[in-house]
Amino acid sequence: MPDFGQREDKGESEFGWGSGLTQPGLEAAPPSQGGRYRGKTPPMPNNPALDDLQRLIDGEGD
């Protein structure tokens, strides 16, 4: 019976470099040097209401 969801690593092909999303050796490289793009979320201002909610979740503010 086939093992769906799992694939055998076939190595390099015309479709990719083998297993993984980036070429071996470029895992930490920036996109300009052939690495993968990693988006970032912009900084968020601190919200005091969320701090109060977190204290309630933690059981500190009854």
N, C-alpha and C. Protein backbone atom coordinates (compact mmCIF):
# COMPACT_ATOMS: atom_id res chain seq x y z
N MET A 1 0.85 -1.18 0.00
CA MET A 1 0.00 0.00 0.00
C MET A 1 0.89 1.24 0.00
N PRO A 2 0.57 2.23 -0.83
CA PRO A 2 1.41 3.44 -0.88
C PRO A 2 1.32 4.24 0.41
N ASP A 3 2.40 4.94 0.73
CA ASP A 3 2.45 5.79 1.92
C ASP A 3 2.17 7.23 1.49
N PHE A 4 0.89 7.58 1.44
CA PHE A 4 0.50 8.92 0.98
C PHE A 4 1.00 9.98 1.95
N GLY A 5 1.39 11.13 1.42
CA GLY A 5 1.90 12.23 2.24
C GLY A 5 3.39 12.15 2.47
N GLN A 6 3.99 11.03 2.18
CA GLN A 6 5.43 10.86 2.33
C GLN A 6 6.02 10.65 0.96
N ARG A 7 7.15 11.27 0.72
CA ARG A 7 7.77 11.06 -0.58
C ARG A 7 9.23 10.68 -0.39
N GLU A 8 9.70 9.93 -1.30
CA GLU A 8 11.08 9.50 -1.27
C GLU A 8 11.95 10.65 -1.79
N ASP A 9 13.08 10.90 -1.14
CA ASP A 9 13.97 11.95 -1.61
C ASP A 9 14.68 11.46 -2.87
N LYS A 10 14.36 12.08 -3.98
CA LYS A 10 14.93 11.67 -5.27
C LYS A 10 16.21 12.43 -5.61
N GLY A 11 16.60 13.37 -4.75
CA GLY A 11 17.78 14.16 -5.05
C GLY A 11 17.46 15.30 -6.01
N GLU A 12 18.47 15.84 -6.62
CA GLU A 12 18.28 16.98 -7.51
C GLU A 12 17.56 16.56 -8.79
N SER A 13 16.79 17.51 -9.33
CA SER A 13 16.13 17.29 -10.62
C SER A 13 15.94 18.64 -11.28
N GLU A 14 15.28 18.66 -12.41
CA GLU A 14 15.02 19.94 -13.06
C GLU A 14 13.98 20.74 -12.30
N PHE A 15 13.33 20.13 -11.30
CA PHE A 15 12.29 20.81 -10.53
C PHE A 15 12.77 21.32 -9.18
N GLY A 16 13.96 20.98 -8.76
CA GLY A 16 14.43 21.44 -7.46
C GLY A 16 15.79 20.88 -7.11
N TRP A 17 16.24 21.23 -5.88
CA TRP A 17 17.56 20.82 -5.41
C TRP A 17 17.49 19.60 -4.51
N GLY A 18 16.39 18.90 -4.48
CA GLY A 18 16.23 17.77 -3.57
C GLY A 18 15.35 18.16 -2.42
N SER A 19 15.52 17.53 -1.26
CA SER A 19 14.66 17.84 -0.13
C SER A 19 15.00 19.23 0.42
N GLY A 20 14.00 19.90 0.93
CA GLY A 20 14.19 21.25 1.47
C GLY A 20 13.73 22.32 0.51
N LEU A 21 13.62 23.54 1.03
CA LEU A 21 13.10 24.64 0.23
C LEU A 21 14.18 25.49 -0.41
N THR A 22 15.42 25.31 0.01
CA THR A 22 16.51 26.10 -0.55
C THR A 22 17.65 25.19 -0.97
N GLN A 23 18.49 25.71 -1.80
CA GLN A 23 19.65 24.96 -2.26
C GLN A 23 20.57 24.66 -1.07
N PRO A 24 21.10 23.45 -0.96
CA PRO A 24 22.00 23.12 0.15
C PRO A 24 23.16 24.12 0.25
N GLY A 25 23.41 24.58 1.47
CA GLY A 25 24.46 25.55 1.71
C GLY A 25 23.97 26.98 1.73
N LEU A 26 22.73 27.23 1.27
CA LEU A 26 22.20 28.58 1.23
C LEU A 26 21.01 28.75 2.18
N GLU A 27 20.87 27.88 3.17
CA GLU A 27 19.73 27.93 4.08
C GLU A 27 19.65 29.25 4.84
N ALA A 28 20.77 29.85 5.21
CA ALA A 28 20.77 31.10 5.97
C ALA A 28 21.12 32.31 5.12
N ALA A 29 21.28 32.13 3.82
CA ALA A 29 21.68 33.23 2.93
C ALA A 29 20.48 34.14 2.64
N PRO A 30 20.73 35.43 2.43
CA PRO A 30 19.65 36.35 2.05
C PRO A 30 19.18 36.06 0.61
N PRO A 31 17.98 36.50 0.25
CA PRO A 31 17.48 36.25 -1.10
C PRO A 31 18.41 36.76 -2.20
N SER A 32 19.10 37.86 -1.95
CA SER A 32 20.00 38.42 -2.96
C SER A 32 21.17 37.49 -3.28
N GLN A 33 21.43 36.53 -2.36
CA GLN A 33 22.52 35.58 -2.58
C GLN A 33 22.00 34.17 -2.84
N GLY A 34 20.72 34.05 -3.18
CA GLY A 34 20.15 32.75 -3.52
C GLY A 34 19.40 32.07 -2.40
N GLY A 35 19.29 32.72 -1.25
CA GLY A 35 18.56 32.14 -0.12
C GLY A 35 17.07 32.37 -0.23
N ARG A 36 16.36 31.89 0.76
CA ARG A 36 14.91 31.97 0.78
C ARG A 36 14.44 33.27 1.42
N TYR A 37 13.38 33.86 0.87
CA TYR A 37 12.79 35.07 1.46
C TYR A 37 12.04 34.70 2.72
N ARG A 38 12.25 35.45 3.78
CA ARG A 38 11.53 35.25 5.04
C ARG A 38 10.86 36.57 5.41
N GLY A 39 9.56 36.61 5.29
CA GLY A 39 8.81 37.82 5.62
C GLY A 39 8.83 38.09 7.11
N LYS A 40 8.68 39.35 7.47
CA LYS A 40 8.65 39.74 8.88
C LYS A 40 7.37 40.52 9.17
N THR A 41 6.84 40.32 10.35
CA THR A 41 5.70 41.09 10.79
C THR A 41 6.20 42.42 11.33
N PRO A 42 5.54 43.53 11.00
CA PRO A 42 6.00 44.81 11.54
C PRO A 42 5.85 44.86 13.06
N PRO A 43 6.65 45.67 13.75
CA PRO A 43 6.53 45.78 15.20
C PRO A 43 5.13 46.29 15.58
N MET A 44 4.62 45.76 16.67
CA MET A 44 3.30 46.16 17.15
C MET A 44 3.46 46.94 18.45
N PRO A 45 2.66 48.00 18.62
CA PRO A 45 2.73 48.73 19.89
C PRO A 45 2.15 47.87 21.02
N ASN A 46 2.65 48.10 22.22
CA ASN A 46 2.15 47.36 23.38
C ASN A 46 0.72 47.82 23.70
N ASN A 47 -0.19 46.87 23.90
CA ASN A 47 -1.58 47.18 24.19
C ASN A 47 -1.86 46.79 25.64
N PRO A 48 -2.11 47.77 26.53
CA PRO A 48 -2.35 47.46 27.94
C PRO A 48 -3.54 46.52 28.16
N ALA A 49 -4.56 46.59 27.32
CA ALA A 49 -5.71 45.70 27.47
C ALA A 49 -5.29 44.24 27.28
N LEU A 50 -4.35 44.00 26.37
CA LEU A 50 -3.88 42.63 26.17
C LEU A 50 -3.03 42.16 27.34
N ASP A 51 -2.32 43.09 27.99
CA ASP A 51 -1.56 42.72 29.19
C ASP A 51 -2.52 42.27 30.29
N ASP A 52 -3.64 43.00 30.46
CA ASP A 52 -4.64 42.62 31.46
C ASP A 52 -5.23 41.24 31.14
N LEU A 53 -5.51 41.00 29.87
CA LEU A 53 -6.04 39.71 29.45
C LEU A 53 -5.04 38.60 29.73
N GLN A 54 -3.77 38.83 29.46
CA GLN A 54 -2.75 37.81 29.71
C GLN A 54 -2.65 37.51 31.20
N ARG A 55 -2.77 38.52 32.05
CA ARG A 55 -2.74 38.28 33.50
C ARG A 55 -3.94 37.43 33.93
N LEU A 56 -5.12 37.67 33.33
CA LEU A 56 -6.29 36.84 33.65
C LEU A 56 -6.07 35.40 33.21
N ILE A 57 -5.48 35.22 32.03
CA ILE A 57 -5.21 33.87 31.53
C ILE A 57 -4.22 33.15 32.44
N ASP A 58 -3.21 33.88 32.91
CA ASP A 58 -2.20 33.29 33.78
C ASP A 58 -2.70 33.07 35.20
N GLY A 59 -3.89 33.58 35.53
CA GLY A 59 -4.46 33.43 36.85
C GLY A 59 -3.94 34.41 37.86
N GLU A 60 -3.30 35.47 37.43
CA GLU A 60 -2.73 36.45 38.35
C GLU A 60 -3.72 37.55 38.69
N GLY A 61 -4.67 37.80 37.85
CA GLY A 61 -5.61 38.92 38.09
C GLY A 61 -7.02 38.41 38.27
N ASP A 62 -7.44 38.19 39.51
CA ASP A 62 -8.79 37.69 39.75
C ASP A 62 -9.70 38.80 40.19
